[in-house]
PDB file of N, CA and C in Angstrom:
ATOM      1  N   UNK A   1     -18.150   4.573 -11.433  1.00  0.00           N
ATOM      2  CA  UNK A   1     -17.110   5.511 -11.816  1.00  0.00           C
ATOM      3  C   UNK A   1     -15.989   4.753 -12.538  1.00  0.00           C
ATOM      4  N   UNK A   2     -15.449   5.371 -13.533  1.00  0.00           N
ATOM      5  CA  UNK A   2     -14.383   4.795 -14.344  1.00  0.00           C
ATOM      6  C   UNK A   2     -13.084   4.718 -13.566  1.00  0.00           C
ATOM      7  N   UNK A   3     -12.363   3.641 -13.747  1.00  0.00           N
ATOM      8  CA  UNK A   3     -10.997   3.553 -13.247  1.00  0.00           C
ATOM      9  C   UNK A   3     -10.134   4.248 -14.279  1.00  0.00           C
ATOM     10  N   UNK A   4      -9.459   5.318 -13.895  1.00  0.00           N
ATOM     11  CA  UNK A   4      -8.670   6.118 -14.834  1.00  0.00           C
ATOM     12  C   UNK A   4      -7.268   5.539 -15.047  1.00  0.00           C
ATOM     13  N   UNK A   5      -7.045   4.301 -14.660  1.00  0.00           N
ATOM     14  CA  UNK A   5      -5.740   3.671 -14.829  1.00  0.00           C
ATOM     15  C   UNK A   5      -5.171   3.798 -16.233  1.00  0.00           C
ATOM     16  N   UNK A   6      -5.955   3.534 -17.287  1.00  0.00           N
ATOM     17  CA  UNK A   6      -5.406   3.663 -18.643  1.00  0.00           C
ATOM     18  C   UNK A   6      -4.918   5.074 -18.968  1.00  0.00           C
ATOM     19  N   UNK A   7      -5.539   6.092 -18.388  1.00  0.00           N
ATOM     20  CA  UNK A   7      -5.108   7.474 -18.635  1.00  0.00           C
ATOM     21  C   UNK A   7      -3.751   7.714 -17.977  1.00  0.00           C
ATOM     22  N   UNK A   8      -3.594   7.247 -16.748  1.00  0.00           N
ATOM     23  CA  UNK A   8      -2.302   7.372 -16.068  1.00  0.00           C
ATOM     24  C   UNK A   8      -1.215   6.600 -16.824  1.00  0.00           C
ATOM     25  N   UNK A   9      -1.568   5.404 -17.309  1.00  0.00           N
ATOM     26  CA  UNK A   9      -0.611   4.597 -18.079  1.00  0.00           C
ATOM     27  C   UNK A   9      -0.242   5.295 -19.393  1.00  0.00           C
ATOM     28  N   UNK A  10      -1.200   5.970 -20.003  1.00  0.00           N
ATOM     29  CA  UNK A  10      -0.965   6.712 -21.236  1.00  0.00           C
ATOM     30  C   UNK A  10       0.123   7.769 -21.018  1.00  0.00           C
ATOM     31  N   UNK A  11      -0.016   8.573 -19.972  1.00  0.00           N
ATOM     32  CA  UNK A  11       0.981   9.624 -19.725  1.00  0.00           C
ATOM     33  C   UNK A  11       2.345   9.042 -19.361  1.00  0.00           C
ATOM     34  N   UNK A  12       2.358   7.935 -18.642  1.00  0.00           N
ATOM     35  CA  UNK A  12       3.626   7.285 -18.325  1.00  0.00           C
ATOM     36  C   UNK A  12       4.307   6.798 -19.604  1.00  0.00           C
ATOM     37  N   UNK A  13       3.545   6.228 -20.525  1.00  0.00           N
ATOM     38  CA  UNK A  13       4.103   5.746 -21.796  1.00  0.00           C
ATOM     39  C   UNK A  13       4.603   6.912 -22.649  1.00  0.00           C
ATOM     40  N   UNK A  14       3.889   8.033 -22.630  1.00  0.00           N
ATOM     41  CA  UNK A  14       4.338   9.215 -23.373  1.00  0.00           C
ATOM     42  C   UNK A  14       5.697   9.662 -22.837  1.00  0.00           C
ATOM     43  N   UNK A  15       5.817   9.734 -21.515  1.00  0.00           N
ATOM     44  CA  UNK A  15       7.078  10.193 -20.918  1.00  0.00           C
ATOM     45  C   UNK A  15       8.238   9.246 -21.232  1.00  0.00           C
ATOM     46  N   UNK A  16       7.936   7.955 -21.362  1.00  0.00           N
ATOM     47  CA  UNK A  16       8.982   6.971 -21.708  1.00  0.00           C
ATOM     48  C   UNK A  16       9.219   6.887 -23.210  1.00  0.00           C
ATOM     49  N   UNK A  17       8.345   7.546 -23.981  1.00  0.00           N
ATOM     50  CA  UNK A  17       8.357   7.444 -25.446  1.00  0.00           C
ATOM     51  C   UNK A  17       8.254   5.984 -25.885  1.00  0.00           C
ATOM     52  N   UNK A  18       7.268   5.309 -25.328  1.00  0.00           N
ATOM     53  CA  UNK A  18       7.071   3.876 -25.523  1.00  0.00           C
ATOM     54  C   UNK A  18       5.838   3.625 -26.402  1.00  0.00           C
ATOM     55  N   UNK A  19       6.050   3.588 -27.709  1.00  0.00           N
ATOM     56  CA  UNK A  19       4.952   3.397 -28.651  1.00  0.00           C
ATOM     57  C   UNK A  19       4.283   2.033 -28.488  1.00  0.00           C
ATOM     58  N   UNK A  20       5.059   1.002 -28.144  1.00  0.00           N
ATOM     59  CA  UNK A  20       4.475  -0.331 -27.957  1.00  0.00           C
ATOM     60  C   UNK A  20       3.516  -0.356 -26.776  1.00  0.00           C
ATOM     61  N   UNK A  21       3.885   0.314 -25.675  1.00  0.00           N
ATOM     62  CA  UNK A  21       2.987   0.384 -24.524  1.00  0.00           C
ATOM     63  C   UNK A  21       1.721   1.147 -24.888  1.00  0.00           C
ATOM     64  N   UNK A  22       1.860   2.223 -25.653  1.00  0.00           N
ATOM     65  CA  UNK A  22       0.686   2.976 -26.086  1.00  0.00           C
ATOM     66  C   UNK A  22      -0.242   2.107 -26.922  1.00  0.00           C
ATOM     67  N   UNK A  23       0.318   1.338 -27.834  1.00  0.00           N
ATOM     68  CA  UNK A  23      -0.492   0.455 -28.692  1.00  0.00           C
ATOM     69  C   UNK A  23      -1.415  -0.410 -27.836  1.00  0.00           C
ATOM     70  N   UNK A  24      -0.897  -0.933 -26.747  1.00  0.00           N
ATOM     71  CA  UNK A  24      -1.673  -1.817 -25.888  1.00  0.00           C
ATOM     72  C   UNK A  24      -2.757  -1.138 -25.067  1.00  0.00           C
ATOM     73  N   UNK A  25      -2.756   0.186 -25.017  1.00  0.00           N
ATOM     74  CA  UNK A  25      -3.747   0.914 -24.226  1.00  0.00           C
ATOM     75  C   UNK A  25      -5.014   1.233 -25.006  1.00  0.00           C
ATOM     76  N   UNK A  26      -4.976   1.069 -26.335  1.00  0.00           N
ATOM     77  CA  UNK A  26      -6.100   1.462 -27.189  1.00  0.00           C
ATOM     78  C   UNK A  26      -6.887   0.252 -27.675  1.00  0.00           C
ATOM     79  N   UNK A  27      -8.207   0.430 -27.819  1.00  0.00           N
ATOM     80  CA  UNK A  27      -9.060  -0.627 -28.356  1.00  0.00           C
ATOM     81  C   UNK A  27      -8.765  -0.817 -29.846  1.00  0.00           C
ATOM     82  N   UNK A  28      -9.248  -1.896 -30.387  1.00  0.00           N
ATOM     83  CA  UNK A  28      -8.984  -2.220 -31.793  1.00  0.00           C
ATOM     84  C   UNK A  28      -9.446  -1.124 -32.749  1.00  0.00           C
ATOM     85  N   UNK A  29     -10.594  -0.533 -32.510  1.00  0.00           N
ATOM     86  CA  UNK A  29     -11.112   0.510 -33.402  1.00  0.00           C
ATOM     87  C   UNK A  29     -10.919   1.918 -32.863  1.00  0.00           C
ATOM     88  N   UNK A  30      -9.982   2.079 -31.960  1.00  0.00           N
ATOM     89  CA  UNK A  30      -9.771   3.370 -31.299  1.00  0.00           C
ATOM     90  C   UNK A  30      -9.481   4.473 -32.310  1.00  0.00           C
ATOM     91  N   UNK A  31      -9.832   5.690 -31.903  1.00  0.00           N
ATOM     92  CA  UNK A  31      -9.617   6.863 -32.740  1.00  0.00           C
ATOM     93  C   UNK A  31      -8.822   7.899 -31.945  1.00  0.00           C
ATOM     94  N   UNK A  32      -7.781   8.437 -32.571  1.00  0.00           N
ATOM     95  CA  UNK A  32      -6.991   9.534 -32.026  1.00  0.00           C
ATOM     96  C   UNK A  32      -7.189  10.735 -32.936  1.00  0.00           C
ATOM     97  N   UNK A  33      -7.664  11.852 -32.376  1.00  0.00           N
ATOM     98  CA  UNK A  33      -7.908  13.069 -33.141  1.00  0.00           C
ATOM     99  C   UNK A  33      -6.905  14.122 -32.681  1.00  0.00           C
ATOM    100  N   UNK A  34      -6.063  14.605 -33.622  1.00  0.00           N
ATOM    101  CA  UNK A  34      -5.045  15.601 -33.310  1.00  0.00           C
ATOM    102  C   UNK A  34      -5.039  16.666 -34.406  1.00  0.00           C
ATOM    103  N   UNK A  35      -4.268  17.716 -34.182  1.00  0.00           N
ATOM    104  CA  UNK A  35      -4.100  18.725 -35.233  1.00  0.00           C
ATOM    105  C   UNK A  35      -3.438  18.129 -36.470  1.00  0.00           C
ATOM    106  N   UNK A  36      -2.636  17.092 -36.278  1.00  0.00           N
ATOM    107  CA  UNK A  36      -1.932  16.452 -37.392  1.00  0.00           C
ATOM    108  C   UNK A  36      -2.829  15.519 -38.192  1.00  0.00           C
ATOM    109  N   UNK A  37      -4.018  15.218 -37.674  1.00  0.00           N
ATOM    110  CA  UNK A  37      -4.929  14.323 -38.375  1.00  0.00           C
ATOM    111  C   UNK A  37      -5.612  13.367 -37.420  1.00  0.00           C
ATOM    112  N   UNK A  38      -6.403  12.473 -38.000  1.00  0.00           N
ATOM    113  CA  UNK A  38      -7.112  11.455 -37.231  1.00  0.00           C
ATOM    114  C   UNK A  38      -6.503  10.096 -37.560  1.00  0.00           C
ATOM    115  N   UNK A  39      -6.240   9.326 -36.525  1.00  0.00           N
ATOM    116  CA  UNK A  39      -5.599   8.020 -36.653  1.00  0.00           C
ATOM    117  C   UNK A  39      -6.536   6.987 -36.049  1.00  0.00           C
ATOM    118  N   UNK A  40      -6.732   5.882 -36.769  1.00  0.00           N
ATOM    119  CA  UNK A  40      -7.673   4.864 -36.329  1.00  0.00           C
ATOM    120  C   UNK A  40      -6.947   3.536 -36.153  1.00  0.00           C
ATOM    121  N   UNK A  41      -7.160   2.928 -34.993  1.00  0.00           N
ATOM    122  CA  UNK A  41      -6.571   1.631 -34.672  1.00  0.00           C
ATOM    123  C   UNK A  41      -5.258   1.790 -33.913  1.00  0.00           C
ATOM    124  N   UNK A  42      -4.941   0.812 -33.076  1.00  0.00           N
ATOM    125  CA  UNK A  42      -3.748   0.884 -32.233  1.00  0.00           C
ATOM    126  C   UNK A  42      -2.445   1.022 -33.017  1.00  0.00           C
ATOM    127  N   UNK A  43      -2.341   0.376 -34.162  1.00  0.00           N
ATOM    128  CA  UNK A  43      -1.093   0.469 -34.937  1.00  0.00           C
ATOM    129  C   UNK A  43      -0.897   1.871 -35.499  1.00  0.00           C
ATOM    130  N   UNK A  44      -1.948   2.462 -36.052  1.00  0.00           N
ATOM    131  CA  UNK A  44      -1.846   3.820 -36.587  1.00  0.00           C
ATOM    132  C   UNK A  44      -1.560   4.823 -35.474  1.00  0.00           C
ATOM    133  N   UNK A  45      -2.186   4.632 -34.326  1.00  0.00           N
ATOM    134  CA  UNK A  45      -1.969   5.532 -33.197  1.00  0.00           C
ATOM    135  C   UNK A  45      -0.532   5.412 -32.691  1.00  0.00           C
ATOM    136  N   UNK A  46      -0.047   4.191 -32.530  1.00  0.00           N
ATOM    137  CA  UNK A  46       1.344   3.997 -32.104  1.00  0.00           C
ATOM    138  C   UNK A  46       2.302   4.605 -33.122  1.00  0.00           C
ATOM    139  N   UNK A  47       1.975   4.489 -34.408  1.00  0.00           N
ATOM    140  CA  UNK A  47       2.802   5.076 -35.456  1.00  0.00           C
ATOM    141  C   UNK A  47       2.851   6.590 -35.367  1.00  0.00           C
ATOM    142  N   UNK A  48       1.723   7.231 -35.055  1.00  0.00           N
ATOM    143  CA  UNK A  48       1.696   8.680 -34.878  1.00  0.00           C
ATOM    144  C   UNK A  48       2.687   9.094 -33.797  1.00  0.00           C
ATOM    145  N   UNK A  49       2.631   8.406 -32.670  1.00  0.00           N
ATOM    146  CA  UNK A  49       3.534   8.768 -31.572  1.00  0.00           C
ATOM    147  C   UNK A  49       4.983   8.469 -31.932  1.00  0.00           C
ATOM    148  N   UNK A  50       5.237   7.290 -32.457  1.00  0.00           N
ATOM    149  CA  UNK A  50       6.611   6.886 -32.793  1.00  0.00           C
ATOM    150  C   UNK A  50       7.222   7.793 -33.858  1.00  0.00           C
ATOM    151  N   UNK A  51       6.466   8.061 -34.927  1.00  0.00           N
ATOM    152  CA  UNK A  51       7.016   8.760 -36.093  1.00  0.00           C
ATOM    153  C   UNK A  51       6.912  10.283 -36.024  1.00  0.00           C
ATOM    154  N   UNK A  52       5.998  10.812 -35.223  1.00  0.00           N
ATOM    155  CA  UNK A  52       5.815  12.265 -35.148  1.00  0.00           C
ATOM    156  C   UNK A  52       6.106  12.800 -33.747  1.00  0.00           C
ATOM    157  N   UNK A  53       5.277  12.456 -32.793  1.00  0.00           N
ATOM    158  CA  UNK A  53       5.386  13.048 -31.457  1.00  0.00           C
ATOM    159  C   UNK A  53       6.727  12.743 -30.786  1.00  0.00           C
ATOM    160  N   UNK A  54       7.178  11.508 -30.890  1.00  0.00           N
ATOM    161  CA  UNK A  54       8.395  11.118 -30.175  1.00  0.00           C
ATOM    162  C   UNK A  54       9.676  11.602 -30.845  1.00  0.00           C
ATOM    163  N   UNK A  55       9.569  12.266 -31.977  1.00  0.00           N
ATOM    164  CA  UNK A  55      10.758  12.861 -32.584  1.00  0.00           C
ATOM    165  C   UNK A  55      11.116  14.182 -31.902  1.00  0.00           C
ATOM    166  N   UNK A  56      10.237  14.680 -31.039  1.00  0.00           N
ATOM    167  CA  UNK A  56      10.489  15.900 -30.265  1.00  0.00           C
ATOM    168  C   UNK A  56      11.292  15.499 -29.030  1.00  0.00           C
ATOM    169  N   UNK A  57      12.533  15.959 -28.962  1.00  0.00           N
ATOM    170  CA  UNK A  57      13.431  15.537 -27.880  1.00  0.00           C
ATOM    171  C   UNK A  57      12.904  15.852 -26.493  1.00  0.00           C
ATOM    172  N   UNK A  58      12.339  17.030 -26.302  1.00  0.00           N
ATOM    173  CA  UNK A  58      11.949  17.445 -24.954  1.00  0.00           C
ATOM    174  C   UNK A  58      10.444  17.304 -24.689  1.00  0.00           C
ATOM    175  N   UNK A  59       9.769  16.436 -25.418  1.00  0.00           N
ATOM    176  CA  UNK A  59       8.343  16.207 -25.207  1.00  0.00           C
ATOM    177  C   UNK A  59       8.099  15.762 -23.761  1.00  0.00           C
ATOM    178  N   UNK A  60       7.266  16.520 -23.030  1.00  0.00           N
ATOM    179  CA  UNK A  60       6.988  16.166 -21.644  1.00  0.00           C
ATOM    180  C   UNK A  60       5.638  16.742 -21.221  1.00  0.00           C
ATOM    181  N   UNK A  61       4.633  15.877 -21.031  1.00  0.00           N
ATOM    182  CA  UNK A  61       3.331  16.346 -20.569  1.00  0.00           C
ATOM    183  C   UNK A  61       3.265  16.400 -19.038  1.00  0.00           C
ATOM    184  N   UNK A  62       2.640  17.446 -18.535  1.00  0.00           N
ATOM    185  CA  UNK A  62       2.366  17.563 -17.100  1.00  0.00           C
ATOM    186  C   UNK A  62       0.861  17.696 -16.936  1.00  0.00           C
ATOM    187  N   UNK A  63       0.162  16.549 -16.767  1.00  0.00           N
ATOM    188  CA  UNK A  63      -1.297  16.617 -16.654  1.00  0.00           C
ATOM    189  C   UNK A  63      -1.734  17.204 -15.312  1.00  0.00           C
ATOM    190  N   UNK A  64      -2.831  17.956 -15.371  1.00  0.00           N
ATOM    191  CA  UNK A  64      -3.456  18.451 -14.151  1.00  0.00           C
ATOM    192  C   UNK A  64      -4.408  17.394 -13.614  1.00  0.00           C
ATOM    193  N   UNK A  65      -5.309  17.798 -12.736  1.00  0.00           N
ATOM    194  CA  UNK A  65      -6.276  16.846 -12.183  1.00  0.00           C
ATOM    195  C   UNK A  65      -7.178  16.268 -13.281  1.00  0.00           C
ATOM    196  N   UNK A  66      -7.486  14.999 -13.145  1.00  0.00           N
ATOM    197  CA  UNK A  66      -8.395  14.347 -14.085  1.00  0.00           C
ATOM    198  C   UNK A  66      -9.838  14.680 -13.710  1.00  0.00           C
ATOM    199  N   UNK A  67     -10.626  15.015 -14.705  1.00  0.00           N
ATOM    200  CA  UNK A  67     -12.062  15.219 -14.519  1.00  0.00           C
ATOM    201  C   UNK A  67     -12.753  13.996 -15.093  1.00  0.00           C
ATOM    202  N   UNK A  68     -13.385  13.217 -14.231  1.00  0.00           N
ATOM    203  CA  UNK A  68     -13.931  11.925 -14.632  1.00  0.00           C
ATOM    204  C   UNK A  68     -15.452  11.953 -14.566  1.00  0.00           C
ATOM    205  N   UNK A  69     -16.081  11.550 -15.664  1.00  0.00           N
ATOM    206  CA  UNK A  69     -17.536  11.416 -15.736  1.00  0.00           C
ATOM    207  C   UNK A  69     -17.834  10.091 -16.421  1.00  0.00           C
ATOM    208  N   UNK A  70     -18.113   9.088 -15.619  1.00  0.00           N
ATOM    209  CA  UNK A  70     -18.390   7.743 -16.106  1.00  0.00           C
ATOM    210  C   UNK A  70     -17.226   7.250 -16.964  1.00  0.00           C
ATOM    211  N   UNK A  71     -17.408   7.064 -18.270  1.00  0.00           N
ATOM    212  CA  UNK A  71     -16.332   6.536 -19.114  1.00  0.00           C
ATOM    213  C   UNK A  71     -15.599   7.632 -19.881  1.00  0.00           C
ATOM    214  N   UNK A  72     -15.771   8.882 -19.451  1.00  0.00           N
ATOM    215  CA  UNK A  72     -15.097  10.020 -20.081  1.00  0.00           C
ATOM    216  C   UNK A  72     -14.145  10.665 -19.083  1.00  0.00           C
ATOM    217  N   UNK A  73     -12.944  10.988 -19.561  1.00  0.00           N
ATOM    218  CA  UNK A  73     -11.932  11.630 -18.723  1.00  0.00           C
ATOM    219  C   UNK A  73     -11.381  12.823 -19.495  1.00  0.00           C
ATOM    220  N   UNK A  74     -11.358  13.975 -18.851  1.00  0.00           N
ATOM    221  CA  UNK A  74     -10.787  15.184 -19.447  1.00  0.00           C
ATOM    222  C   UNK A  74      -9.653  15.663 -18.556  1.00  0.00           C
ATOM    223  N   UNK A  75      -8.629  16.245 -19.189  1.00  0.00           N
ATOM    224  CA  UNK A  75      -7.497  16.758 -18.418  1.00  0.00           C
ATOM    225  C   UNK A  75      -6.816  17.875 -19.191  1.00  0.00           C
ATOM    226  N   UNK A  76      -6.474  18.949 -18.465  1.00  0.00           N
ATOM    227  CA  UNK A  76      -5.668  20.016 -19.044  1.00  0.00           C
ATOM    228  C   UNK A  76      -4.203  19.672 -18.790  1.00  0.00           C
ATOM    229  N   UNK A  77      -3.366  19.928 -19.787  1.00  0.00           N
ATOM    230  CA  UNK A  77      -1.959  19.523 -19.726  1.00  0.00           C
ATOM    231  C   UNK A  77      -1.069  20.705 -20.064  1.00  0.00           C
ATOM    232  N   UNK A  78      -0.032  20.888 -19.291  1.00  0.00           N
ATOM    233  CA  UNK A  78       1.059  21.797 -19.661  1.00  0.00           C
ATOM    234  C   UNK A  78       2.039  20.925 -20.434  1.00  0.00           C
ATOM    235  N   UNK A  79       2.169  21.197 -21.714  1.00  0.00           N
ATOM    236  CA  UNK A  79       2.972  20.358 -22.598  1.00  0.00           C
ATOM    237  C   UNK A  79       4.253  21.084 -22.999  1.00  0.00           C
ATOM    238  N   UNK A  80       5.383  20.492 -22.640  1.00  0.00           N
ATOM    239  CA  UNK A  80       6.671  21.038 -23.059  1.00  0.00           C
ATOM    240  C   UNK A  80       7.077  20.361 -24.359  1.00  0.00           C
ATOM    241  N   UNK A  81       7.391  21.207 -25.346  1.00  0.00           N
ATOM    242  CA  UNK A  81       7.834  20.740 -26.658  1.00  0.00           C
ATOM    243  C   UNK A  81       8.726  21.806 -27.270  1.00  0.00           C
ATOM    244  N   UNK A  82       9.866  21.385 -27.794  1.00  0.00           N
ATOM    245  CA  UNK A  82      10.753  22.309 -28.508  1.00  0.00           C
ATOM    246  C   UNK A  82      11.102  23.550 -27.691  1.00  0.00           C
ATOM    247  N   UNK A  83      11.306  23.351 -26.390  1.00  0.00           N
ATOM    248  CA  UNK A  83      11.714  24.448 -25.524  1.00  0.00           C
ATOM    249  C   UNK A  83      10.594  25.370 -25.089  1.00  0.00           C
ATOM    250  N   UNK A  84       9.370  25.087 -25.498  1.00  0.00           N
ATOM    251  CA  UNK A  84       8.223  25.913 -25.141  1.00  0.00           C
ATOM    252  C   UNK A  84       7.216  25.111 -24.336  1.00  0.00           C
ATOM    253  N   UNK A  85       6.362  25.829 -23.598  1.00  0.00           N
ATOM    254  CA  UNK A  85       5.268  25.202 -22.865  1.00  0.00           C
ATOM    255  C   UNK A  85       3.964  25.751 -23.415  1.00  0.00           C
ATOM    256  N   UNK A  86       3.039  24.859 -23.735  1.00  0.00           N
ATOM    257  CA  UNK A  86       1.714  25.268 -24.189  1.00  0.00           C
ATOM    258  C   UNK A  86       0.669  24.467 -23.427  1.00  0.00           C
ATOM    259  N   UNK A  87      -0.555  24.943 -23.475  1.00  0.00           N
ATOM    260  CA  UNK A  87      -1.654  24.234 -22.840  1.00  0.00           C
ATOM    261  C   UNK A  87      -2.404  23.426 -23.880  1.00  0.00           C
ATOM    262  N   UNK A  88      -2.689  22.189 -23.542  1.00  0.00           N
ATOM    263  CA  UNK A  88      -3.529  21.334 -24.370  1.00  0.00           C
ATOM    264  C   UNK A  88      -4.547  20.666 -23.460  1.00  0.00           C
ATOM    265  N   UNK A  89      -5.588  20.148 -24.048  1.00  0.00           N
ATOM    266  CA  UNK A  89      -6.598  19.411 -23.300  1.00  0.00           C
ATOM    267  C   UNK A  89      -6.813  18.073 -23.998  1.00  0.00           C
ATOM    268  N   UNK A  90      -6.797  17.015 -23.216  1.00  0.00           N
ATOM    269  CA  UNK A  90      -7.058  15.670 -23.715  1.00  0.00           C
ATOM    270  C   UNK A  90      -8.424  15.224 -23.222  1.00  0.00           C
ATOM    271  N   UNK A  91      -9.204  14.649 -24.139  1.00  0.00           N
ATOM    272  CA  UNK A  91     -10.511  14.112 -23.811  1.00  0.00           C
ATOM    273  C   UNK A  91     -10.519  12.634 -24.188  1.00  0.00           C
ATOM    274  N   UNK A  92     -10.573  11.779 -23.177  1.00  0.00           N
ATOM    275  CA  UNK A  92     -10.521  10.330 -23.349  1.00  0.00           C
ATOM    276  C   UNK A  92     -11.914   9.732 -23.219  1.00  0.00           C
ATOM    277  N   UNK A  93     -12.184   8.727 -24.033  1.00  0.00           N
ATOM    278  CA  UNK A  93     -13.327   7.845 -23.827  1.00  0.00           C
ATOM    279  C   UNK A  93     -12.752   6.461 -23.579  1.00  0.00           C
ATOM    280  N   UNK A  94     -13.192   5.836 -22.486  1.00  0.00           N
ATOM    281  CA  UNK A  94     -12.690   4.510 -22.115  1.00  0.00           C
ATOM    282  C   UNK A  94     -13.774   3.466 -22.335  1.00  0.00           C
ATOM    283  N   UNK A  95     -13.346   2.320 -22.845  1.00  0.00           N
ATOM    284  CA  UNK A  95     -14.240   1.181 -23.047  1.00  0.00           C
ATOM    285  C   UNK A  95     -13.516  -0.063 -22.561  1.00  0.00           C
ATOM    286  N   UNK A  96     -14.104  -0.749 -21.588  1.00  0.00           N
ATOM    287  CA  UNK A  96     -13.494  -1.976 -21.044  1.00  0.00           C
ATOM    288  C   UNK A  96     -12.037  -1.744 -20.642  1.00  0.00           C
ATOM    289  N   UNK A  97     -11.785  -0.635 -19.954  1.00  0.00           N
ATOM    290  CA  UNK A  97     -10.472  -0.286 -19.422  1.00  0.00           C
ATOM    291  C   UNK A  97      -9.393  -0.106 -20.487  1.00  0.00           C
ATOM    292  N   UNK A  98      -9.831   0.313 -21.667  1.00  0.00           N
ATOM    293  CA  UNK A  98      -8.911   0.722 -22.729  1.00  0.00           C
ATOM    294  C   UNK A  98      -9.411   2.039 -23.302  1.00  0.00           C
ATOM    295  N   UNK A  99      -8.533   2.737 -23.984  1.00  0.00           N
ATOM    296  CA  UNK A  99      -8.901   4.006 -24.597  1.00  0.00           C
ATOM    297  C   UNK A  99      -9.541   3.720 -25.958  1.00  0.00           C
ATOM    298  N   UNK A 100     -10.787   4.154 -26.116  1.00  0.00           N
ATOM    299  CA  UNK A 100     -11.461   3.935 -27.396  1.00  0.00           C
ATOM    300  C   UNK A 100     -11.476   5.217 -28.246  1.00  0.00           C
ATOM    301  N   UNK A 101     -11.258   6.363 -27.600  1.00  0.00           N
ATOM    302  CA  UNK A 101     -11.155   7.626 -28.339  1.00  0.00           C
ATOM    303  C   UNK A 101     -10.356   8.610 -27.509  1.00  0.00           C
ATOM    304  N   UNK A 102      -9.477   9.331 -28.184  1.00  0.00           N
ATOM    305  CA  UNK A 102      -8.721  10.408 -27.556  1.00  0.00           C
ATOM    306  C   UNK A 102      -8.705  11.580 -28.513  1.00  0.00           C
ATOM    307  N   UNK A 103      -9.237  12.707 -28.057  1.00  0.00           N
ATOM    308  CA  UNK A 103      -9.200  13.947 -28.832  1.00  0.00           C
ATOM    309  C   UNK A 103      -8.283  14.912 -28.090  1.00  0.00           C
ATOM    310  N   UNK A 104      -7.311  15.471 -28.806  1.00  0.00           N
ATOM    311  CA  UNK A 104      -6.341  16.389 -28.228  1.00  0.00           C
ATOM    312  C   UNK A 104      -6.575  17.771 -28.830  1.00  0.00           C
ATOM    313  N   UNK A 105      -6.842  18.741 -27.966  1.00  0.00           N
ATOM    314  CA  UNK A 105      -7.105  20.112 -28.401  1.00  0.00           C
ATOM    315  C   UNK A 105      -5.997  21.018 -27.902  1.00  0.00           C
ATOM    316  N   UNK A 106      -5.513  21.895 -28.763  1.00  0.00           N
ATOM    317  CA  UNK A 106      -4.441  22.812 -28.413  1.00  0.00           C
ATOM    318  C   UNK A 106      -4.997  24.097 -27.825  1.00  0.00           C
ATOM    319  N   UNK A 107      -4.212  24.664 -26.905  1.00  0.00           N
ATOM    320  CA  UNK A 107      -4.560  25.934 -26.292  1.00  0.00           C
ATOM    321  C   UNK A 107      -3.741  27.041 -26.908  1.00  0.00           C
ATOM    322  N   UNK A 108      -3.270  27.968 -26.072  1.00  0.00           N
ATOM    323  CA  UNK A 108      -2.487  29.096 -26.582  1.00  0.00           C
ATOM    324  C   UNK A 108      -1.226  28.628 -27.303  1.00  0.00           C
ATOM    325  N   UNK A 109      -0.717  29.438 -28.210  1.00  0.00           N
ATOM    326  CA  UNK A 109       0.528  29.079 -28.900  1.00  0.00           C
ATOM    327  C   UNK A 109       1.665  28.901 -27.899  1.00  0.00           C
ATOM    328  N   UNK A 110       2.677  28.077 -28.239  1.00  0.00           N
ATOM    329  CA  UNK A 110       3.815  27.878 -27.345  1.00  0.00           C
ATOM    330  C   UNK A 110       4.385  29.214 -26.883  1.00  0.00           C
ATOM    331  N   UNK A 111       4.765  29.238 -25.608  1.00  0.00           N
ATOM    332  CA  UNK A 111       5.349  30.437 -25.033  1.00  0.00           C
ATOM    333  C   UNK A 111       4.332  31.375 -24.427  1.00  0.00           C
ATOM    334  N   UNK A 112       3.030  31.174 -24.697  1.00  0.00           N
ATOM    335  CA  UNK A 112       2.004  32.054 -24.160  1.00  0.00           C
ATOM    336  C   UNK A 112       1.187  31.382 -23.064  1.00  0.00           C
ATOM    337  N   UNK A 113       1.551  30.164 -22.679  1.00  0.00           N
ATOM    338  CA  UNK A 113       0.800  29.443 -21.653  1.00  0.00           C
ATOM    339  C   UNK A 113       1.092  30.033 -20.283  1.00  0.00           C
ATOM    340  N   UNK A 114       0.092  29.989 -19.433  1.00  0.00           N
ATOM    341  CA  UNK A 114       0.292  30.458 -18.053  1.00  0.00           C
ATOM    342  C   UNK A 114       1.351  29.585 -17.395  1.00  0.00           C
ATOM    343  N   UNK A 115       2.204  30.201 -16.651  1.00  0.00           N
ATOM    344  CA  UNK A 115       3.291  29.455 -16.011  1.00  0.00           C
ATOM    345  C   UNK A 115       3.049  29.338 -14.535  1.00  0.00           C
TER     346      UNK A 115
END
C-alpha cells in the first residue's frame, strides 16, 4: 500500500501557498492536468501555483478521505475560492514517494456545491 504522505504534504503546501515546497513534491517529469492547462516538470507546476492559484486570496482546500489503490490516490475536495465553495477531485499517481501525475477535475460551479 502506498504511503500517502506526499498527498498530505501537497495540501499543507497549498494552504501555506508554498510553491517551493510543492516543487519538491513532484518528480522530474511530473504532469499536472488542470482546466487552465497541462504543466510538465516541477518548475512549471510550481509556477502554475505561484502565478495562478496562489493569487486567489481565500484559496483553501478541504480534502475528504483519501481513496488509496497502490500508487494511486483519489480525493474529493471542498475548495474555497473567491468567496465560493466548489467540489473538485484530485487524482494522484505516486512514484518513489513523489507525485508523478496529478489530474484535477472540477465539479459543480462555485456556489452549487453541497454544504
